Amino acid sequence: MEYRKIKDDDDEDAHDVASDLESLKGKSHTVASSNIALATLGGGGGSTERTNWKRKGVVTCALTILTSSQAILIVWSKRAGKYEYSVTTANFLVETLKCALSLLALTRIWKNEGVTDDNRLSTTYDEVKVFPIPAALYLFKNLLQYYIFAYVDAPGYQILKNLNIISTGVLYRIILKKKLSEIQWAGFILLCCGCTTAQLNSNSDRVLQTSLPGWIMAIVMALLSGFAGVYTEAIIKKRPSRNINVQNFWLYVFGMAFNAVAIVIQDFDAVANKGFFHGYSFITVLMILNHALSGIAVSMVMKYADNIVKVYSTSVAMLLTAVVSVFLFNFHLSLAFFLGSTVVSVSVYLHSAGKLR
């Protein structure tokens, strides 16, 4: 929202009392008019703030719930411990569904509110040229993910993934110039330690024996993931009044394009011989729907909150997934999990309590 500056047009040549009174009346009228206009646009300062907090709360809770069920659906989609479907085609369908949902939301907005400069789908080159960058970063990160398993096992990979937390915080400060208090930085480091502790098991010491190429890949993946998230937030918030569904549409169009490239690079022969939907099941469809809704929730969090909230939301979702897995997969919670959960809870409190005033 662009705010109009209140201009002071006082007459420098006015010397008598009557002129001064007229000038003050003019100023009061201008200020009052501006306040009325702002109240009309925003519904009042207090009302707008409450609406924003409610919106942030809804999208954050939605992201937490969707992310926590994401890992469960991925496990269920496997057969005999393997993916019978093509992961790249599933990713392509996720981007396609997100694009379709954004377009559906826009259609409803156009029907109810009409087409405006902020919700029209047409755009300029300057606006759209930045959208391929996060899509390309995520593609490289996902491709690198397949090669890192040559150097680390699955539990070790889950632990190394927590480097994303630190990289997001550092890049958030550097790129977006957003300041975190010392208490919030302490909470952020505790979040990383808590998530790592919750994932420890008897084989976790192997992480320390990871070779140099494995560490380099893990660090590069963390930087790619952190930069893609922070950069996406930057371009989404660059034009605050722009409808989020329009921004999502263009993000997902390029996501579809880059995932199509991934299909050609990784699974072209499998798709050509077995078919695009080979190995798909009802659970696979639910997983794709979950990923699509999670992706939209992430963009909403970036639009109305920030990457820090996203990191905390996904971290809490990881703990929630473990708890649900106790009932679904007979997963046994360890002492390390309870200690890690406690540290994460303290981290969430510190982040809230340490906000800069």
Protein backbone atom coordinates (compact mmCIF):
# COMPACT_ATOMS: atom_id res chain seq x y z
CA MET A 1 0.00 0.00 0.00
CA GLU A 2 1.34 3.37 -0.96
CA TYR A 3 0.82 6.14 1.53
CA ARG A 4 0.38 9.72 0.38
CA LYS A 5 2.67 12.22 2.01
CA ILE A 6 0.93 15.14 3.70
CA LYS A 7 2.30 18.23 2.06
CA ASP A 8 2.68 21.46 3.99
CA ASP A 9 1.74 24.32 1.77
CA ASP A 10 2.01 27.06 4.35
CA ASP A 11 2.28 30.50 2.91
CA GLU A 12 5.69 31.88 3.87
CA ASP A 13 4.44 35.42 3.42
CA ALA A 14 1.55 35.08 5.89
CA HIS A 15 2.28 37.30 8.92
CA ASP A 16 -1.06 38.06 10.47
CA VAL A 17 -3.09 35.89 12.85
CA ALA A 18 -5.94 35.33 10.44
CA SER A 19 -3.60 33.82 7.82
CA ASP A 20 -2.02 31.54 10.44
CA LEU A 21 -5.45 30.30 11.52
CA GLU A 22 -6.40 29.61 7.91
CA SER A 23 -3.16 27.68 7.42
CA LEU A 24 -3.79 25.58 10.53
CA LYS A 25 -7.33 24.84 9.39
CA GLY A 26 -5.98 23.75 6.01
CA LYS A 27 -3.46 21.42 7.66
CA SER A 28 -6.08 19.91 9.97
CA HIS A 29 -8.38 19.29 7.06
CA THR A 30 -5.59 17.63 5.06
CA VAL A 31 -4.53 15.40 7.98
CA ALA A 32 -8.12 14.43 8.70
CA SER A 33 -8.76 13.60 5.04
CA SER A 34 -5.61 11.48 4.89
CA ASN A 35 -6.57 9.62 8.07
CA ILE A 36 -10.04 8.93 6.70
CA ALA A 37 -8.55 7.66 3.46
CA LEU A 38 -6.13 5.36 5.31
CA ALA A 39 -8.91 4.10 7.56
CA THR A 40 -11.06 3.41 4.51
CA LEU A 41 -8.28 1.49 2.75
CA GLY A 42 -6.99 -0.42 5.77
CA GLY A 43 -10.07 -0.65 7.95
CA GLY A 44 -8.30 1.20 10.75
CA GLY A 45 -4.86 0.59 12.24
CA GLY A 46 -6.02 -1.76 14.99
CA SER A 47 -8.36 -3.68 12.71
CA THR A 48 -5.67 -4.07 10.04
CA GLU A 49 -3.13 -5.32 12.57
CA ARG A 50 -5.60 -7.88 13.95
CA THR A 51 -6.42 -9.04 10.42
CA ASN A 52 -2.72 -9.44 9.59
CA TRP A 53 -2.05 -11.43 12.76
CA LYS A 54 -5.06 -13.65 12.05
CA ARG A 55 -3.89 -14.20 8.47
CA LYS A 56 -0.35 -15.03 9.61
CA GLY A 57 -1.69 -17.46 12.19
CA VAL A 58 -3.93 -19.27 9.72
CA VAL A 59 -1.29 -19.73 7.01
CA THR A 60 1.37 -20.73 9.57
CA CYS A 61 -0.89 -23.38 11.15
CA ALA A 62 -1.86 -24.63 7.70
CA LEU A 63 1.81 -24.93 6.70
CA THR A 64 2.66 -26.79 9.92
CA ILE A 65 -0.17 -29.31 9.49
CA LEU A 66 0.47 -29.86 5.77
CA THR A 67 4.22 -30.25 6.28
CA SER A 68 3.80 -32.70 9.15
CA SER A 69 1.56 -34.94 7.01
CA GLN A 70 3.91 -34.59 4.03
CA ALA A 71 6.55 -37.02 5.28
CA ILE A 72 3.88 -39.55 6.28
CA LEU A 73 2.36 -39.54 2.80
CA ILE A 74 5.81 -39.92 1.22
CA VAL A 75 6.44 -43.03 3.33
CA TRP A 76 3.02 -44.44 2.47
CA SER A 77 3.62 -43.81 -1.25
CA LYS A 78 6.55 -46.26 -1.24
CA ARG A 79 6.12 -49.94 -2.03
CA ALA A 80 8.62 -52.34 -0.53
CA GLY A 81 10.73 -49.32 0.43
CA LYS A 82 10.97 -47.98 -3.13
CA TYR A 83 9.21 -45.41 -5.29
CA GLU A 84 7.42 -47.19 -8.11
CA TYR A 85 6.45 -43.87 -9.65
CA SER A 86 8.72 -41.23 -11.15
CA VAL A 87 9.58 -38.59 -8.54
CA THR A 88 10.27 -35.99 -11.24
CA THR A 89 6.82 -36.45 -12.82
CA ALA A 90 5.26 -36.11 -9.37
CA ASN A 91 7.16 -32.83 -8.84
CA PHE A 92 6.00 -31.61 -12.25
CA LEU A 93 2.37 -32.38 -11.36
CA VAL A 94 2.79 -30.56 -8.03
CA GLU A 95 3.87 -27.40 -9.88
CA THR A 96 1.04 -27.85 -12.40
CA LEU A 97 -1.56 -28.22 -9.66
CA LYS A 98 -0.24 -25.16 -7.80
CA CYS A 99 -0.44 -23.17 -11.01
CA ALA A 100 -4.02 -24.36 -11.64
CA LEU A 101 -5.11 -23.55 -8.07
CA SER A 102 -3.64 -20.05 -8.33
CA LEU A 103 -5.45 -19.49 -11.62
CA LEU A 104 -8.70 -20.78 -10.10
CA ALA A 105 -8.35 -18.36 -7.18
CA LEU A 106 -7.69 -15.50 -9.61
CA THR A 107 -10.78 -16.40 -11.65
CA ARG A 108 -12.90 -16.14 -8.52
CA ILE A 109 -11.33 -12.78 -7.62
CA TRP A 110 -11.93 -11.43 -11.13
CA LYS A 111 -15.57 -12.51 -10.91
CA ASN A 112 -16.16 -10.88 -7.52
CA GLU A 113 -13.91 -7.81 -7.66
CA GLY A 114 -13.16 -7.29 -11.34
CA VAL A 115 -9.75 -7.02 -13.00
CA THR A 116 -7.39 -4.43 -11.52
CA ASP A 117 -3.73 -3.51 -11.99
CA ASP A 118 -2.83 -5.60 -8.94
CA ASN A 119 -4.66 -8.79 -9.90
CA ARG A 120 -4.36 -8.83 -13.68
CA LEU A 121 -2.34 -11.75 -15.04
CA SER A 122 -0.53 -9.71 -17.66
CA THR A 123 2.86 -8.48 -16.50
CA THR A 124 6.04 -6.79 -17.66
CA TYR A 125 9.45 -8.26 -18.42
CA ASP A 126 11.00 -6.43 -15.47
CA GLU A 127 8.53 -8.06 -13.09
CA VAL A 128 8.62 -11.58 -14.49
CA LYS A 129 12.35 -11.89 -15.20
CA VAL A 130 13.14 -12.60 -11.53
CA PHE A 131 10.76 -15.56 -11.17
CA PRO A 132 12.94 -18.19 -12.97
CA ILE A 133 15.77 -17.70 -10.45
CA PRO A 134 14.23 -19.49 -7.42
CA ALA A 135 12.86 -22.22 -9.72
CA ALA A 136 16.36 -22.85 -11.09
CA LEU A 137 17.88 -22.83 -7.59
CA TYR A 138 15.40 -25.41 -6.33
CA LEU A 139 16.05 -27.57 -9.42
CA PHE A 140 19.81 -27.60 -8.80
CA LYS A 141 19.25 -28.33 -5.12
CA ASN A 142 16.91 -31.25 -5.91
CA LEU A 143 19.34 -32.69 -8.45
CA LEU A 144 22.21 -32.39 -5.97
CA GLN A 145 20.09 -34.22 -3.42
CA TYR A 146 20.37 -37.44 -5.47
CA TYR A 147 24.17 -37.34 -5.47
CA ILE A 148 24.74 -36.57 -1.79
CA PHE A 149 23.53 -40.06 -0.82
CA ALA A 150 26.73 -41.45 -2.32
CA TYR A 151 28.54 -39.88 0.67
CA VAL A 152 26.01 -39.93 3.53
CA ASP A 153 23.20 -42.25 4.62
CA ALA A 154 19.57 -41.20 5.06
CA PRO A 155 19.74 -40.42 8.83
CA GLY A 156 22.93 -38.43 8.30
CA TYR A 157 21.28 -36.50 5.47
CA GLN A 158 18.36 -35.56 7.73
CA ILE A 159 20.80 -34.15 10.28
CA LEU A 160 22.84 -32.24 7.70
CA LYS A 161 19.62 -30.74 6.34
CA ASN A 162 19.41 -28.69 9.53
CA LEU A 163 22.16 -26.50 8.08
CA ASN A 164 19.27 -24.94 6.13
CA ILE A 165 18.13 -23.29 9.36
CA ILE A 166 21.39 -21.41 9.85
CA SER A 167 21.78 -20.52 6.16
CA THR A 168 18.24 -19.10 6.06
CA GLY A 169 18.91 -16.89 9.09
CA VAL A 170 22.21 -15.56 7.72
CA LEU A 171 20.85 -14.92 4.19
CA TYR A 172 17.70 -13.37 5.66
CA ARG A 173 19.92 -10.82 7.39
CA ILE A 174 22.21 -10.21 4.39
CA ILE A 175 19.72 -10.11 1.50
CA LEU A 176 16.60 -8.66 3.11
CA LYS A 177 18.52 -6.47 5.59
CA LYS A 178 16.21 -7.65 8.36
CA LYS A 179 17.62 -7.51 11.87
CA LEU A 180 17.19 -10.18 14.51
CA SER A 181 17.84 -9.45 18.16
CA GLU A 182 20.60 -11.29 20.02
CA ILE A 183 17.94 -13.34 21.82
CA GLN A 184 16.39 -14.33 18.48
CA TRP A 185 19.80 -15.38 17.12
CA ALA A 186 20.29 -17.50 20.24
CA GLY A 187 16.85 -19.01 19.67
CA PHE A 188 17.72 -19.71 16.02
CA ILE A 189 20.89 -21.60 16.95
CA LEU A 190 18.95 -23.52 19.61
CA LEU A 191 16.37 -24.42 16.95
CA CYS A 192 19.09 -25.98 14.81
CA CYS A 193 20.54 -27.84 17.80
CA GLY A 194 17.09 -28.98 18.94
CA CYS A 195 16.10 -30.36 15.54
CA THR A 196 19.44 -32.14 15.27
CA THR A 197 19.15 -33.60 18.78
CA ALA A 198 15.62 -34.86 18.08
CA GLN A 199 16.95 -36.82 15.08
CA LEU A 200 19.88 -38.49 16.83
CA ASN A 201 20.08 -42.27 16.96
CA SER A 202 22.70 -44.95 17.55
CA ASN A 203 24.20 -44.41 14.10
CA SER A 204 24.31 -40.61 14.19
CA ASP A 205 28.04 -40.52 14.93
CA ARG A 206 28.62 -41.47 11.30
CA VAL A 207 27.79 -37.88 10.35
CA LEU A 208 31.11 -36.78 11.84
CA GLN A 209 32.84 -39.24 9.49
CA THR A 210 31.24 -37.72 6.37
CA SER A 211 33.83 -37.13 3.67
CA LEU A 212 34.73 -33.65 2.41
CA PRO A 213 32.60 -33.94 -0.79
CA GLY A 214 29.60 -34.86 1.37
CA TRP A 215 30.07 -31.82 3.61
CA ILE A 216 30.53 -29.55 0.58
CA MET A 217 27.32 -30.86 -1.01
CA ALA A 218 25.42 -30.43 2.26
CA ILE A 219 26.62 -26.83 2.64
CA VAL A 220 25.87 -25.99 -1.01
CA MET A 221 22.38 -27.49 -0.69
CA ALA A 222 21.75 -25.48 2.48
CA LEU A 223 22.86 -22.27 0.76
CA LEU A 224 20.76 -23.01 -2.34
CA SER A 225 17.68 -23.76 -0.25
CA GLY A 226 18.17 -20.73 2.01
CA PHE A 227 18.88 -18.36 -0.87
CA ALA A 228 15.92 -19.62 -2.91
CA GLY A 229 13.58 -19.10 0.05
CA VAL A 230 14.86 -15.64 0.95
CA TYR A 231 14.97 -14.54 -2.69
CA THR A 232 11.40 -15.72 -3.21
CA GLU A 233 10.29 -13.67 -0.20
CA ALA A 234 12.11 -10.63 -1.60
CA ILE A 235 10.39 -10.76 -4.99
CA ILE A 236 6.98 -11.51 -3.47
CA LYS A 237 7.24 -8.52 -1.10
CA LYS A 238 8.78 -6.21 -3.69
CA ARG A 239 5.28 -5.18 -4.72
CA PRO A 240 3.11 -5.61 -1.59
CA SER A 241 -0.15 -4.67 -3.31
CA ARG A 242 0.32 -7.28 -6.05
CA ASN A 243 -2.11 -10.18 -5.64
CA ILE A 244 -0.28 -13.24 -4.26
CA ASN A 245 -2.06 -15.55 -6.72
CA VAL A 246 -0.59 -13.67 -9.68
CA GLN A 247 2.90 -13.92 -8.22
CA ASN A 248 2.36 -17.61 -7.47
CA PHE A 249 1.12 -18.27 -11.00
CA TRP A 250 4.32 -16.96 -12.59
CA LEU A 251 6.52 -18.70 -10.02
CA TYR A 252 4.83 -22.02 -10.73
CA VAL A 253 4.91 -21.60 -14.50
CA PHE A 254 8.69 -21.48 -14.35
CA GLY A 255 8.62 -24.29 -11.78
CA MET A 256 6.77 -26.44 -14.33
CA ALA A 257 9.34 -25.58 -17.00
CA PHE A 258 12.34 -26.48 -14.85
CA ASN A 259 10.73 -29.70 -13.60
CA ALA A 260 10.06 -30.66 -17.21
CA VAL A 261 13.81 -30.28 -17.75
CA ALA A 262 14.39 -32.55 -14.73
CA ILE A 263 12.15 -35.22 -16.26
CA VAL A 264 14.18 -35.15 -19.47
CA ILE A 265 17.49 -35.31 -17.58
CA GLN A 266 16.63 -38.01 -15.05
CA ASP A 267 13.61 -40.09 -16.10
CA PHE A 268 13.15 -39.69 -19.83
CA ASP A 269 13.66 -43.39 -20.62
CA ALA A 270 11.45 -44.58 -17.75
CA VAL A 271 8.64 -42.19 -18.70
CA ALA A 272 8.94 -43.06 -22.41
CA ASN A 273 8.84 -46.82 -21.78
CA LYS A 274 6.48 -47.13 -18.81
CA GLY A 275 4.31 -44.03 -19.17
CA PHE A 276 4.00 -40.73 -17.31
CA PHE A 277 1.71 -42.08 -14.56
CA HIS A 278 3.38 -45.45 -14.12
CA GLY A 279 3.32 -46.61 -10.48
CA TYR A 280 0.85 -43.97 -9.31
CA SER A 281 -1.65 -44.86 -6.57
CA PHE A 282 -4.31 -43.08 -4.54
CA ILE A 283 -1.70 -42.26 -1.89
CA THR A 284 0.54 -40.78 -4.59
CA VAL A 285 -2.30 -38.49 -5.65
CA LEU A 286 -2.87 -37.42 -2.04
CA MET A 287 0.86 -36.75 -1.68
CA ILE A 288 0.85 -34.54 -4.80
CA LEU A 289 -2.18 -32.63 -3.49
CA ASN A 290 -0.47 -32.20 -0.11
CA HIS A 291 2.74 -30.89 -1.70
CA ALA A 292 0.77 -28.46 -3.85
CA LEU A 293 -1.17 -27.04 -0.89
CA SER A 294 2.04 -26.91 1.17
CA GLY A 295 3.77 -24.93 -1.59
CA ILE A 296 0.94 -22.41 -1.71
CA ALA A 297 1.00 -22.16 2.10
CA VAL A 298 4.76 -21.46 1.98
CA SER A 299 4.25 -18.59 -0.46
CA MET A 300 1.46 -17.21 1.75
CA VAL A 301 3.76 -17.34 4.78
CA MET A 302 6.46 -15.49 2.82
CA LYS A 303 3.92 -12.88 1.69
CA TYR A 304 2.29 -12.21 5.05
CA ALA A 305 5.06 -13.31 7.45
CA ASP A 306 8.67 -14.22 6.58
CA ASN A 307 11.19 -17.03 6.10
CA ILE A 308 11.94 -17.19 9.82
CA VAL A 309 8.33 -18.10 10.55
CA LYS A 310 8.53 -20.69 7.76
CA VAL A 311 11.63 -22.28 9.31
CA TYR A 312 10.00 -22.49 12.74
CA SER A 313 6.79 -23.86 11.23
CA THR A 314 8.56 -26.64 9.33
CA SER A 315 10.72 -27.47 12.37
CA VAL A 316 7.68 -27.87 14.61
CA ALA A 317 6.08 -29.93 11.82
CA MET A 318 9.04 -32.33 11.96
CA LEU A 319 8.38 -32.98 15.65
CA LEU A 320 4.65 -33.35 15.02
CA THR A 321 5.41 -35.92 12.29
CA ALA A 322 7.44 -37.98 14.74
CA VAL A 323 4.58 -37.99 17.27
CA VAL A 324 2.03 -39.06 14.66
CA SER A 325 4.42 -41.75 13.42
CA VAL A 326 4.22 -43.40 16.87
CA PHE A 327 0.59 -44.31 16.16
CA LEU A 328 0.92 -45.01 12.43
CA PHE A 329 4.28 -46.77 12.12
CA ASN A 330 5.01 -47.89 15.72
CA PHE A 331 7.82 -45.36 15.83
CA HIS A 332 9.60 -45.29 19.19
CA LEU A 333 10.41 -41.87 20.61
CA SER A 334 13.86 -41.67 22.16
CA LEU A 335 15.21 -39.58 25.00
CA ALA A 336 17.05 -37.51 22.38
CA PHE A 337 13.69 -36.70 20.76
CA PHE A 338 12.22 -35.41 24.02
CA LEU A 339 15.33 -33.35 24.74
CA GLY A 340 15.34 -31.95 21.21
CA SER A 341 11.62 -31.12 21.43
CA THR A 342 12.24 -29.22 24.64
CA VAL A 343 15.07 -27.23 23.07
CA VAL A 344 12.87 -26.40 20.05
CA SER A 345 10.06 -25.23 22.37
CA VAL A 346 12.50 -22.95 24.21
CA SER A 347 13.72 -21.66 20.84
CA VAL A 348 10.17 -20.77 19.75
CA TYR A 349 9.66 -18.88 23.02
CA LEU A 350 12.95 -16.99 22.66
CA HIS A 351 12.09 -15.96 19.11
CA SER A 352 8.75 -14.55 20.26
CA ALA A 353 10.15 -12.91 23.41
CA GLY A 354 13.19 -11.45 21.69
CA LYS A 355 11.43 -9.48 18.96
CA LEU A 356 12.93 -6.07 18.33
CA ARG A 357 10.74 -3.26 19.59
